[in-house]
Amino acid sequence: MADKAKTGKLTTVVSIVLALLFLFQGVTKLAGMMVEQFGAWGYPAWFQYLIGVAETAAGVGLLISKTRFHAAAAVIVVMLGAIFTLLRAGQMGQVVVPVVTLLLAAFVARSSR
């Protein structure tokens, strides 16, 4: 029982950290601050806004216990896309952050089920 309580608290803390990260990243994209980067990766400008909406929605969803699982699943999908994009662009050194984020989101998803 104590382990379940510890896991629940850890899940909440990790969810809050991921939520803050995704809210920040989502708002950054919605503000149009990464148009050049998305262009360099070969994506159209509108794709940045789509990802911004997904990240912002996931950030909000991570803060709500009833939607936490689905939000974490969305984070996993977004991070798979980020990993693919970085690998395709040859930016191997930047892959660590999305991989760690994906693993944290997988922990939240598994714990929130």
N, C-alpha and C. Protein backbone atom coordinates (compact mmCIF):
# COMPACT_ATOMS: atom_id res chain seq x y z
N MET A 1 0.82 -1.19 0.00
CA MET A 1 0.00 0.00 0.00
C MET A 1 0.86 1.26 0.00
N ALA A 2 1.95 1.24 0.77
CA ALA A 2 2.84 2.40 0.83
C ALA A 2 3.51 2.64 -0.51
N ASP A 3 3.86 1.55 -1.21
CA ASP A 3 4.48 1.69 -2.53
C ASP A 3 3.52 2.34 -3.51
N LYS A 4 2.25 2.00 -3.43
CA LYS A 4 1.25 2.58 -4.32
C LYS A 4 1.09 4.07 -4.05
N ALA A 5 1.14 4.46 -2.80
CA ALA A 5 1.05 5.88 -2.44
C ALA A 5 2.27 6.64 -2.94
N LYS A 6 3.46 6.04 -2.78
CA LYS A 6 4.69 6.68 -3.28
C LYS A 6 4.65 6.82 -4.79
N THR A 7 4.20 5.77 -5.47
CA THR A 7 4.10 5.82 -6.93
C THR A 7 3.11 6.90 -7.35
N GLY A 8 1.99 7.01 -6.63
CA GLY A 8 0.99 8.02 -6.94
C GLY A 8 1.55 9.43 -6.79
N LYS A 9 2.30 9.66 -5.74
CA LYS A 9 2.91 10.98 -5.53
C LYS A 9 3.96 11.27 -6.59
N LEU A 10 4.78 10.27 -6.92
CA LEU A 10 5.80 10.44 -7.95
C LEU A 10 5.14 10.72 -9.30
N THR A 11 4.06 9.99 -9.58
CA THR A 11 3.33 10.21 -10.84
C THR A 11 2.82 11.64 -10.91
N THR A 12 2.31 12.15 -9.82
CA THR A 12 1.81 13.53 -9.78
C THR A 12 2.93 14.53 -10.02
N VAL A 13 4.06 14.32 -9.36
CA VAL A 13 5.20 15.23 -9.52
C VAL A 13 5.71 15.20 -10.96
N VAL A 14 5.89 14.01 -11.51
CA VAL A 14 6.38 13.89 -12.89
C VAL A 14 5.37 14.51 -13.86
N SER A 15 4.08 14.30 -13.59
CA SER A 15 3.05 14.89 -14.44
C SER A 15 3.10 16.41 -14.43
N ILE A 16 3.32 16.99 -13.27
CA ILE A 16 3.41 18.45 -13.16
C ILE A 16 4.63 18.97 -13.91
N VAL A 17 5.75 18.30 -13.75
CA VAL A 17 6.98 18.72 -14.45
C VAL A 17 6.77 18.64 -15.97
N LEU A 18 6.22 17.52 -16.44
CA LEU A 18 5.95 17.38 -17.87
C LEU A 18 4.94 18.41 -18.35
N ALA A 19 3.92 18.67 -17.53
CA ALA A 19 2.90 19.66 -17.90
C ALA A 19 3.53 21.03 -18.08
N LEU A 20 4.37 21.43 -17.15
CA LEU A 20 5.02 22.74 -17.26
C LEU A 20 5.89 22.81 -18.52
N LEU A 21 6.63 21.75 -18.77
CA LEU A 21 7.48 21.69 -19.96
C LEU A 21 6.64 21.81 -21.23
N PHE A 22 5.55 21.04 -21.30
CA PHE A 22 4.74 21.04 -22.52
C PHE A 22 3.92 22.31 -22.66
N LEU A 23 3.48 22.89 -21.58
CA LEU A 23 2.80 24.19 -21.68
C LEU A 23 3.75 25.25 -22.22
N PHE A 24 4.97 25.27 -21.71
CA PHE A 24 5.97 26.23 -22.18
C PHE A 24 6.29 26.01 -23.66
N GLN A 25 6.58 24.76 -24.02
CA GLN A 25 6.92 24.45 -25.41
C GLN A 25 5.75 24.71 -26.35
N GLY A 26 4.55 24.36 -25.91
CA GLY A 26 3.38 24.58 -26.74
C GLY A 26 3.13 26.06 -27.00
N VAL A 27 3.21 26.87 -25.96
CA VAL A 27 3.01 28.31 -26.11
C VAL A 27 4.10 28.91 -26.98
N THR A 28 5.32 28.43 -26.84
CA THR A 28 6.42 28.90 -27.69
C THR A 28 6.10 28.67 -29.16
N LYS A 29 5.59 27.49 -29.46
CA LYS A 29 5.26 27.17 -30.85
C LYS A 29 4.04 27.97 -31.32
N LEU A 30 3.04 28.11 -30.46
CA LEU A 30 1.85 28.88 -30.83
C LEU A 30 2.18 30.35 -31.05
N ALA A 31 3.22 30.83 -30.39
CA ALA A 31 3.66 32.22 -30.57
C ALA A 31 4.48 32.39 -31.85
N GLY A 32 4.72 31.30 -32.57
CA GLY A 32 5.45 31.38 -33.83
C GLY A 32 6.94 31.54 -33.69
N MET A 33 7.48 31.07 -32.57
CA MET A 33 8.89 31.29 -32.29
C MET A 33 9.82 30.22 -32.88
N MET A 34 9.26 29.24 -33.58
CA MET A 34 10.11 28.17 -34.12
C MET A 34 9.88 27.93 -35.61
N VAL A 35 9.34 28.92 -36.29
CA VAL A 35 9.04 28.76 -37.72
C VAL A 35 10.29 28.39 -38.51
N GLU A 36 11.40 29.08 -38.25
CA GLU A 36 12.64 28.80 -38.99
C GLU A 36 13.13 27.39 -38.72
N GLN A 37 13.05 26.94 -37.46
CA GLN A 37 13.52 25.59 -37.11
C GLN A 37 12.67 24.53 -37.80
N PHE A 38 11.35 24.71 -37.77
CA PHE A 38 10.48 23.74 -38.44
C PHE A 38 10.74 23.73 -39.94
N GLY A 39 11.02 24.92 -40.51
CA GLY A 39 11.36 25.01 -41.92
C GLY A 39 12.65 24.28 -42.23
N ALA A 40 13.64 24.42 -41.36
CA ALA A 40 14.92 23.73 -41.55
C ALA A 40 14.75 22.21 -41.50
N TRP A 41 13.77 21.76 -40.72
CA TRP A 41 13.49 20.33 -40.64
C TRP A 41 12.64 19.85 -41.82
N GLY A 42 12.17 20.79 -42.64
CA GLY A 42 11.38 20.42 -43.81
C GLY A 42 9.88 20.42 -43.60
N TYR A 43 9.43 21.00 -42.52
CA TYR A 43 8.00 21.06 -42.23
C TYR A 43 7.42 22.42 -42.62
N PRO A 44 6.15 22.44 -43.04
CA PRO A 44 5.51 23.73 -43.34
C PRO A 44 5.26 24.50 -42.05
N ALA A 45 5.10 25.81 -42.16
CA ALA A 45 4.92 26.66 -40.98
C ALA A 45 3.72 26.25 -40.15
N TRP A 46 2.62 25.85 -40.79
CA TRP A 46 1.41 25.50 -40.05
C TRP A 46 1.62 24.31 -39.11
N PHE A 47 2.59 23.44 -39.44
CA PHE A 47 2.84 22.25 -38.62
C PHE A 47 3.30 22.64 -37.22
N GLN A 48 4.04 23.73 -37.13
CA GLN A 48 4.48 24.23 -35.82
C GLN A 48 3.28 24.53 -34.93
N TYR A 49 2.25 25.12 -35.51
CA TYR A 49 1.06 25.48 -34.73
C TYR A 49 0.27 24.24 -34.33
N LEU A 50 0.22 23.25 -35.21
CA LEU A 50 -0.44 21.99 -34.88
C LEU A 50 0.25 21.32 -33.68
N ILE A 51 1.57 21.27 -33.73
CA ILE A 51 2.33 20.68 -32.62
C ILE A 51 2.15 21.52 -31.36
N GLY A 52 2.11 22.83 -31.51
CA GLY A 52 1.88 23.71 -30.36
C GLY A 52 0.55 23.44 -29.69
N VAL A 53 -0.49 23.24 -30.48
CA VAL A 53 -1.81 22.91 -29.92
C VAL A 53 -1.74 21.56 -29.19
N ALA A 54 -1.12 20.57 -29.83
CA ALA A 54 -1.01 19.24 -29.22
C ALA A 54 -0.23 19.30 -27.90
N GLU A 55 0.87 20.04 -27.91
CA GLU A 55 1.69 20.14 -26.69
C GLU A 55 0.95 20.89 -25.58
N THR A 56 0.26 21.96 -25.92
CA THR A 56 -0.47 22.73 -24.92
C THR A 56 -1.61 21.88 -24.35
N ALA A 57 -2.34 21.19 -25.21
CA ALA A 57 -3.43 20.33 -24.74
C ALA A 57 -2.90 19.21 -23.85
N ALA A 58 -1.78 18.63 -24.24
CA ALA A 58 -1.18 17.57 -23.41
C ALA A 58 -0.74 18.14 -22.07
N GLY A 59 -0.18 19.34 -22.07
CA GLY A 59 0.23 19.97 -20.82
C GLY A 59 -0.93 20.17 -19.87
N VAL A 60 -2.04 20.64 -20.39
CA VAL A 60 -3.25 20.82 -19.57
C VAL A 60 -3.76 19.46 -19.11
N GLY A 61 -3.81 18.51 -20.03
CA GLY A 61 -4.32 17.17 -19.70
C GLY A 61 -3.51 16.46 -18.63
N LEU A 62 -2.23 16.70 -18.58
CA LEU A 62 -1.38 16.09 -17.56
C LEU A 62 -1.71 16.59 -16.15
N LEU A 63 -2.30 17.75 -16.06
CA LEU A 63 -2.64 18.33 -14.76
C LEU A 63 -3.97 17.81 -14.22
N ILE A 64 -4.74 17.13 -15.05
CA ILE A 64 -6.06 16.61 -14.66
C ILE A 64 -5.96 15.10 -14.55
N SER A 65 -6.22 14.57 -13.38
CA SER A 65 -6.02 13.13 -13.17
C SER A 65 -6.86 12.27 -14.11
N LYS A 66 -8.06 12.69 -14.45
CA LYS A 66 -8.93 11.89 -15.33
C LYS A 66 -8.43 11.84 -16.77
N THR A 67 -7.65 12.82 -17.18
CA THR A 67 -7.15 12.85 -18.56
C THR A 67 -5.65 12.57 -18.64
N ARG A 68 -5.05 12.29 -17.51
CA ARG A 68 -3.59 12.13 -17.45
C ARG A 68 -3.07 11.02 -18.36
N PHE A 69 -3.74 9.88 -18.39
CA PHE A 69 -3.28 8.77 -19.23
C PHE A 69 -3.26 9.18 -20.70
N HIS A 70 -4.35 9.77 -21.18
CA HIS A 70 -4.43 10.16 -22.58
C HIS A 70 -3.44 11.27 -22.92
N ALA A 71 -3.25 12.19 -21.99
CA ALA A 71 -2.27 13.26 -22.21
C ALA A 71 -0.86 12.68 -22.29
N ALA A 72 -0.55 11.74 -21.41
CA ALA A 72 0.77 11.10 -21.45
C ALA A 72 0.95 10.33 -22.76
N ALA A 73 -0.10 9.69 -23.25
CA ALA A 73 -0.03 8.99 -24.53
C ALA A 73 0.24 9.98 -25.66
N ALA A 74 -0.38 11.16 -25.59
CA ALA A 74 -0.13 12.19 -26.60
C ALA A 74 1.32 12.66 -26.55
N VAL A 75 1.85 12.80 -25.34
CA VAL A 75 3.25 13.20 -25.18
C VAL A 75 4.16 12.16 -25.83
N ILE A 76 3.85 10.90 -25.64
CA ILE A 76 4.65 9.83 -26.24
C ILE A 76 4.65 9.95 -27.76
N VAL A 77 3.49 10.19 -28.34
CA VAL A 77 3.39 10.33 -29.80
C VAL A 77 4.20 11.54 -30.29
N VAL A 78 4.06 12.66 -29.60
CA VAL A 78 4.80 13.87 -29.99
C VAL A 78 6.31 13.63 -29.87
N MET A 79 6.74 12.94 -28.82
CA MET A 79 8.16 12.68 -28.63
C MET A 79 8.69 11.70 -29.66
N LEU A 80 7.89 10.73 -30.07
CA LEU A 80 8.32 9.84 -31.17
C LEU A 80 8.56 10.66 -32.43
N GLY A 81 7.67 11.61 -32.69
CA GLY A 81 7.85 12.49 -33.84
C GLY A 81 9.10 13.34 -33.72
N ALA A 82 9.35 13.84 -32.52
CA ALA A 82 10.54 14.67 -32.28
C ALA A 82 11.82 13.85 -32.48
N ILE A 83 11.81 12.64 -31.96
CA ILE A 83 12.98 11.76 -32.12
C ILE A 83 13.22 11.46 -33.59
N PHE A 84 12.16 11.12 -34.31
CA PHE A 84 12.27 10.86 -35.75
C PHE A 84 12.84 12.08 -36.48
N THR A 85 12.30 13.25 -36.16
CA THR A 85 12.74 14.48 -36.82
C THR A 85 14.22 14.75 -36.56
N LEU A 86 14.64 14.63 -35.32
CA LEU A 86 16.03 14.90 -34.97
C LEU A 86 16.99 13.89 -35.60
N LEU A 87 16.59 12.63 -35.60
CA LEU A 87 17.44 11.61 -36.23
C LEU A 87 17.55 11.85 -37.73
N ARG A 88 16.43 12.18 -38.36
CA ARG A 88 16.42 12.45 -39.80
C ARG A 88 17.28 13.67 -40.15
N ALA A 89 17.30 14.65 -39.23
CA ALA A 89 18.07 15.87 -39.45
C ALA A 89 19.54 15.71 -39.05
N GLY A 90 19.90 14.54 -38.51
CA GLY A 90 21.27 14.31 -38.10
C GLY A 90 21.66 15.02 -36.82
N GLN A 91 20.69 15.37 -36.01
CA GLN A 91 20.94 16.09 -34.76
C GLN A 91 20.91 15.10 -33.58
N MET A 92 21.84 14.16 -33.62
CA MET A 92 21.88 13.08 -32.64
C MET A 92 22.03 13.58 -31.20
N GLY A 93 22.79 14.64 -31.02
CA GLY A 93 23.03 15.16 -29.68
C GLY A 93 21.79 15.71 -29.01
N GLN A 94 20.77 16.03 -29.79
CA GLN A 94 19.54 16.59 -29.22
C GLN A 94 18.48 15.53 -28.95
N VAL A 95 18.76 14.28 -29.26
CA VAL A 95 17.77 13.21 -29.11
C VAL A 95 17.56 12.82 -27.65
N VAL A 96 18.52 13.09 -26.80
CA VAL A 96 18.44 12.65 -25.40
C VAL A 96 17.21 13.22 -24.70
N VAL A 97 16.94 14.50 -24.87
CA VAL A 97 15.82 15.14 -24.17
C VAL A 97 14.48 14.52 -24.56
N PRO A 98 14.17 14.35 -25.85
CA PRO A 98 12.90 13.71 -26.17
C PRO A 98 12.82 12.25 -25.72
N VAL A 99 13.95 11.54 -25.71
CA VAL A 99 13.93 10.15 -25.24
C VAL A 99 13.60 10.11 -23.75
N VAL A 100 14.23 10.96 -22.96
CA VAL A 100 13.95 11.01 -21.52
C VAL A 100 12.50 11.44 -21.28
N THR A 101 12.04 12.42 -22.04
CA THR A 101 10.66 12.88 -21.91
C THR A 101 9.69 11.76 -22.25
N LEU A 102 9.99 11.01 -23.30
CA LEU A 102 9.15 9.87 -23.67
C LEU A 102 9.10 8.84 -22.55
N LEU A 103 10.23 8.55 -21.95
CA LEU A 103 10.27 7.57 -20.85
C LEU A 103 9.48 8.05 -19.65
N LEU A 104 9.58 9.34 -19.34
CA LEU A 104 8.80 9.90 -18.22
C LEU A 104 7.30 9.84 -18.53
N ALA A 105 6.94 10.13 -19.77
CA ALA A 105 5.54 10.06 -20.16
C ALA A 105 5.02 8.62 -20.11
N ALA A 106 5.87 7.67 -20.49
CA ALA A 106 5.49 6.25 -20.40
C ALA A 106 5.25 5.85 -18.95
N PHE A 107 6.08 6.33 -18.04
CA PHE A 107 5.88 6.08 -16.61
C PHE A 107 4.53 6.64 -16.15
N VAL A 108 4.25 7.88 -16.55
CA VAL A 108 2.97 8.51 -16.16
C VAL A 108 1.80 7.73 -16.74
N ALA A 109 1.89 7.36 -18.01
CA ALA A 109 0.80 6.60 -18.65
C ALA A 109 0.57 5.28 -17.93
N ARG A 110 1.64 4.58 -17.66
CA ARG A 110 1.51 3.27 -17.00
C ARG A 110 0.94 3.42 -15.58
N SER A 111 1.38 4.43 -14.88
CA SER A 111 0.93 4.65 -13.51
C SER A 111 -0.49 5.20 -13.44
N SER A 112 -0.95 5.81 -14.52
CA SER A 112 -2.26 6.45 -14.53
C SER A 112 -3.36 5.54 -15.04
N ARG A 113 -3.00 4.40 -15.48
CA ARG A 113 -3.97 3.46 -16.04
C ARG A 113 -4.84 2.86 -15.01
